C-alpha atoms as a PDB file:
ATOM      1  CA  UNK A   1    -219.154  44.064 181.766  1.00  0.00           C
ATOM      2  CA  UNK A   2    -217.906  47.400 182.407  1.00  0.00           C
ATOM      3  CA  UNK A   3    -219.468  50.395 184.394  1.00  0.00           C
ATOM      4  CA  UNK A   4    -221.688  52.741 183.455  1.00  0.00           C
ATOM      5  CA  UNK A   5    -220.044  55.032 180.425  1.00  0.00           C
ATOM      6  CA  UNK A   6    -219.113  58.213 181.661  1.00  0.00           C
ATOM      7  CA  UNK A   7    -218.858  61.570 179.005  1.00  0.00           C
ATOM      8  CA  UNK A   8    -214.916  60.429 178.431  1.00  0.00           C
ATOM      9  CA  UNK A   9    -215.467  56.809 177.789  1.00  0.00           C
ATOM     10  CA  UNK A  10    -218.477  56.778 175.529  1.00  0.00           C
ATOM     11  CA  UNK A  11    -217.853  54.654 172.443  1.00  0.00           C
ATOM     12  CA  UNK A  12    -218.552  55.888 168.919  1.00  0.00           C
ATOM     13  CA  UNK A  13    -220.710  53.065 168.140  1.00  0.00           C
ATOM     14  CA  UNK A  14    -223.468  52.064 170.881  1.00  0.00           C
ATOM     15  CA  UNK A  15    -225.011  48.782 170.083  1.00  0.00           C
ATOM     16  CA  UNK A  16    -228.195  48.201 171.816  1.00  0.00           C
ATOM     17  CA  UNK A  17    -229.743  44.775 172.818  1.00  0.00           C
ATOM     18  CA  UNK A  18    -232.816  43.738 174.136  1.00  0.00           C
ATOM     19  CA  UNK A  19    -233.560  40.064 174.123  1.00  0.00           C
ATOM     20  CA  UNK A  20    -236.198  37.382 175.538  1.00  0.00           C
ATOM     21  CA  UNK A  21    -234.584  35.238 178.296  1.00  0.00           C
ATOM     22  CA  UNK A  22    -234.244  32.068 176.435  1.00  0.00           C
ATOM     23  CA  UNK A  23    -232.137  34.168 173.505  1.00  0.00           C
ATOM     24  CA  UNK A  24    -228.928  32.257 172.449  1.00  0.00           C
ATOM     25  CA  UNK A  25    -225.577  34.309 172.320  1.00  0.00           C
ATOM     26  CA  UNK A  26    -225.463  32.881 168.660  1.00  0.00           C
ATOM     27  CA  UNK A  27    -228.892  34.842 167.965  1.00  0.00           C
ATOM     28  CA  UNK A  28    -228.036  37.877 169.320  1.00  0.00           C
ATOM     29  CA  UNK A  29    -224.330  38.371 167.926  1.00  0.00           C
ATOM     30  CA  UNK A  30    -225.974  37.095 164.262  1.00  0.00           C
ATOM     31  CA  UNK A  31    -228.320  40.137 164.651  1.00  0.00           C
ATOM     32  CA  UNK A  32    -225.651  42.357 165.807  1.00  0.00           C
ATOM     33  CA  UNK A  33    -223.492  41.352 162.873  1.00  0.00           C
ATOM     34  CA  UNK A  34    -226.661  42.019 160.495  1.00  0.00           C
ATOM     35  CA  UNK A  35    -227.219  45.408 162.075  1.00  0.00           C
ATOM     36  CA  UNK A  36    -223.346  46.878 161.610  1.00  0.00           C
ATOM     37  CA  UNK A  37    -223.652  45.683 157.813  1.00  0.00           C
ATOM     38  CA  UNK A  38    -220.504  43.870 157.999  1.00  0.00           C
ATOM     39  CA  UNK A  39    -218.575  45.997 160.069  1.00  0.00           C
ATOM     40  CA  UNK A  40    -218.072  43.757 163.016  1.00  0.00           C
ATOM     41  CA  UNK A  41    -214.551  43.957 162.479  1.00  0.00           C
ATOM     42  CA  UNK A  42    -214.130  47.420 162.442  1.00  0.00           C
ATOM     43  CA  UNK A  43    -216.712  48.200 165.486  1.00  0.00           C
ATOM     44  CA  UNK A  44    -213.632  47.292 168.040  1.00  0.00           C
ATOM     45  CA  UNK A  45    -211.659  49.480 166.457  1.00  0.00           C
ATOM     46  CA  UNK A  46    -214.141  52.183 166.604  1.00  0.00           C
ATOM     47  CA  UNK A  47    -214.824  51.880 170.075  1.00  0.00           C
ATOM     48  CA  UNK A  48    -217.976  49.890 169.923  1.00  0.00           C
ATOM     49  CA  UNK A  49    -219.853  48.348 172.978  1.00  0.00           C
ATOM     50  CA  UNK A  50    -222.977  46.463 173.492  1.00  0.00           C
ATOM     51  CA  UNK A  51    -225.349  48.063 175.582  1.00  0.00           C
ATOM     52  CA  UNK A  52    -228.358  46.432 177.523  1.00  0.00           C
ATOM     53  CA  UNK A  53    -230.578  47.340 180.938  1.00  0.00           C
ATOM     54  CA  UNK A  54    -229.561  46.043 184.261  1.00  0.00           C
ATOM     55  CA  UNK A  55    -232.082  43.735 184.801  1.00  0.00           C
ATOM     56  CA  UNK A  56    -230.946  41.837 181.859  1.00  0.00           C
ATOM     57  CA  UNK A  57    -227.588  41.151 183.782  1.00  0.00           C
ATOM     58  CA  UNK A  58    -228.345  37.496 184.376  1.00  0.00           C
ATOM     59  CA  UNK A  59    -228.991  36.835 181.151  1.00  0.00           C
ATOM     60  CA  UNK A  60    -226.355  34.014 179.418  1.00  0.00           C
ATOM     61  CA  UNK A  61    -227.314  34.825 175.943  1.00  0.00           C
ATOM     62  CA  UNK A  62    -226.103  38.505 176.320  1.00  0.00           C
ATOM     63  CA  UNK A  63    -222.675  37.635 178.253  1.00  0.00           C
ATOM     64  CA  UNK A  64    -222.172  34.900 175.203  1.00  0.00           C
ATOM     65  CA  UNK A  65    -222.835  37.373 172.484  1.00  0.00           C
ATOM     66  CA  UNK A  66    -220.574  39.776 174.142  1.00  0.00           C
ATOM     67  CA  UNK A  67    -218.143  37.124 173.815  1.00  0.00           C
ATOM     68  CA  UNK A  68    -218.527  35.551 170.368  1.00  0.00           C
ATOM     69  CA  UNK A  69    -218.387  39.638 169.304  1.00  0.00           C
ATOM     70  CA  UNK A  70    -215.105  40.155 171.362  1.00  0.00           C
ATOM     71  CA  UNK A  71    -217.178  43.355 172.631  1.00  0.00           C
ATOM     72  CA  UNK A  72    -217.824  44.898 176.299  1.00  0.00           C
ATOM     73  CA  UNK A  73    -221.452  44.671 177.489  1.00  0.00           C
ATOM     74  CA  UNK A  74    -222.407  47.543 179.507  1.00  0.00           C
ATOM     75  CA  UNK A  75    -225.643  47.283 181.602  1.00  0.00           C
ATOM     76  CA  UNK A  76    -227.467  50.538 182.131  1.00  0.00           C
ATOM     77  CA  UNK A  77    -229.849  51.671 184.663  1.00  0.00           C
ATOM     78  CA  UNK A  78    -233.735  52.204 184.242  1.00  0.00           C
ATOM     79  CA  UNK A  79    -232.903  56.059 184.970  1.00  0.00           C
ATOM     80  CA  UNK A  80    -230.609  56.281 181.984  1.00  0.00           C
ATOM     81  CA  UNK A  81    -232.928  54.253 179.386  1.00  0.00           C
ATOM     82  CA  UNK A  82    -235.753  56.161 180.518  1.00  0.00           C
ATOM     83  CA  UNK A  83    -233.766  59.497 179.659  1.00  0.00           C
ATOM     84  CA  UNK A  84    -232.992  58.645 176.276  1.00  0.00           C
ATOM     85  CA  UNK A  85    -236.495  56.973 175.569  1.00  0.00           C
ATOM     86  CA  UNK A  86    -237.947  60.122 173.937  1.00  0.00           C
ATOM     87  CA  UNK A  87    -235.651  59.874 171.393  1.00  0.00           C
ATOM     88  CA  UNK A  88    -236.754  56.277 170.101  1.00  0.00           C
ATOM     89  CA  UNK A  89    -237.930  55.831 166.940  1.00  0.00           C
ATOM     90  CA  UNK A  90    -239.604  52.515 167.374  1.00  0.00           C
ATOM     91  CA  UNK A  91    -242.332  51.958 169.975  1.00  0.00           C
ATOM     92  CA  UNK A  92    -243.504  48.450 170.785  1.00  0.00           C
ATOM     93  CA  UNK A  93    -246.983  48.481 173.025  1.00  0.00           C
ATOM     94  CA  UNK A  94    -246.124  44.999 174.412  1.00  0.00           C
ATOM     95  CA  UNK A  95    -241.924  46.229 175.536  1.00  0.00           C
ATOM     96  CA  UNK A  96    -243.371  49.474 176.792  1.00  0.00           C
ATOM     97  CA  UNK A  97    -245.693  47.793 178.852  1.00  0.00           C
ATOM     98  CA  UNK A  98    -243.281  45.352 180.244  1.00  0.00           C
ATOM     99  CA  UNK A  99    -240.196  47.839 180.674  1.00  0.00           C
ATOM    100  CA  UNK A 100    -241.833  51.428 180.389  1.00  0.00           C
ATOM    101  CA  UNK A 101    -239.647  52.024 177.270  1.00  0.00           C
ATOM    102  CA  UNK A 102    -240.355  52.069 173.848  1.00  0.00           C
ATOM    103  CA  UNK A 103    -237.595  49.632 172.827  1.00  0.00           C
ATOM    104  CA  UNK A 104    -234.968  48.364 175.049  1.00  0.00           C
ATOM    105  CA  UNK A 105    -232.320  48.159 171.934  1.00  0.00           C
ATOM    106  CA  UNK A 106    -232.924  51.851 170.792  1.00  0.00           C
ATOM    107  CA  UNK A 107    -232.843  53.081 174.160  1.00  0.00           C
ATOM    108  CA  UNK A 108    -229.554  51.155 175.259  1.00  0.00           C
ATOM    109  CA  UNK A 109    -227.905  52.456 172.287  1.00  0.00           C
ATOM    110  CA  UNK A 110    -228.832  55.946 172.290  1.00  0.00           C
ATOM    111  CA  UNK A 111    -227.905  56.168 176.480  1.00  0.00           C
ATOM    112  CA  UNK A 112    -225.349  54.398 175.953  1.00  0.00           C
ATOM    113  CA  UNK A 113    -224.262  56.971 172.999  1.00  0.00           C
ATOM    114  CA  UNK A 114    -224.455  59.851 175.071  1.00  0.00           C
ATOM    115  CA  UNK A 115    -227.167  62.596 174.711  1.00  0.00           C
ATOM    116  CA  UNK A 116    -226.388  64.135 171.454  1.00  0.00           C
ATOM    117  CA  UNK A 117    -226.167  60.994 169.706  1.00  0.00           C
ATOM    118  CA  UNK A 118    -228.495  59.739 166.854  1.00  0.00           C
ATOM    119  CA  UNK A 119    -229.747  56.287 165.656  1.00  0.00           C
ATOM    120  CA  UNK A 120    -228.143  55.017 162.653  1.00  0.00           C
ATOM    121  CA  UNK A 121    -230.125  51.577 162.606  1.00  0.00           C
ATOM    122  CA  UNK A 122    -233.465  51.427 163.893  1.00  0.00           C
ATOM    123  CA  UNK A 123    -234.255  48.367 165.818  1.00  0.00           C
ATOM    124  CA  UNK A 124    -234.330  45.233 163.902  1.00  0.00           C
ATOM    125  CA  UNK A 125    -235.558  42.117 165.624  1.00  0.00           C
ATOM    126  CA  UNK A 126    -235.402  38.306 164.982  1.00  0.00           C
ATOM    127  CA  UNK A 127    -235.389  35.189 167.111  1.00  0.00           C
ATOM    128  CA  UNK A 128    -236.167  37.142 170.341  1.00  0.00           C
ATOM    129  CA  UNK A 129    -233.600  39.254 170.012  1.00  0.00           C
ATOM    130  CA  UNK A 130    -233.619  43.032 169.252  1.00  0.00           C
ATOM    131  CA  UNK A 131    -230.861  45.440 168.005  1.00  0.00           C
ATOM    132  CA  UNK A 132    -230.145  49.176 167.475  1.00  0.00           C
ATOM    133  CA  UNK A 133    -227.293  51.080 166.718  1.00  0.00           C
ATOM    134  CA  UNK A 134    -226.555  54.879 167.613  1.00  0.00           C
ATOM    135  CA  UNK A 135    -223.325  56.847 166.881  1.00  0.00           C
ATOM    136  CA  UNK A 136    -222.173  59.207 169.454  1.00  0.00           C
ATOM    137  CA  UNK A 137    -222.185  63.167 168.980  1.00  0.00           C
ATOM    138  CA  UNK A 138    -218.339  63.480 167.887  1.00  0.00           C
ATOM    139  CA  UNK A 139    -219.203  61.031 165.045  1.00  0.00           C
ATOM    140  CA  UNK A 140    -222.833  61.992 163.634  1.00  0.00           C
END
């Protein structure tokens, strides 16, 4: 895991991840590949990073997915995710009741890519994982 991104180290591509406790790295990485639409090989070259919430830091599936994909995993504090929440396009009442966020994946992607970023892949979900992709303002 790497530290919280600063404006100088924000990635071009931010991949937000949400998952249930039992979710495997294989499930998460397959969903990320689906969200990237076959561009996962180019994602590392574009400085892509995986983002999730700090309270998911003990999830082995997240660490495993980062290793499978060869991408850094950055865990963001709740205040950064809450700041990005108004820009989320997908809302889940269940997730919002549990986390205070309309979508963990979308908030993580938007927070990771920066204040002027935009979603290019809205939240997709499968097998207990969710994923969203945002581009930093320089790439929008």
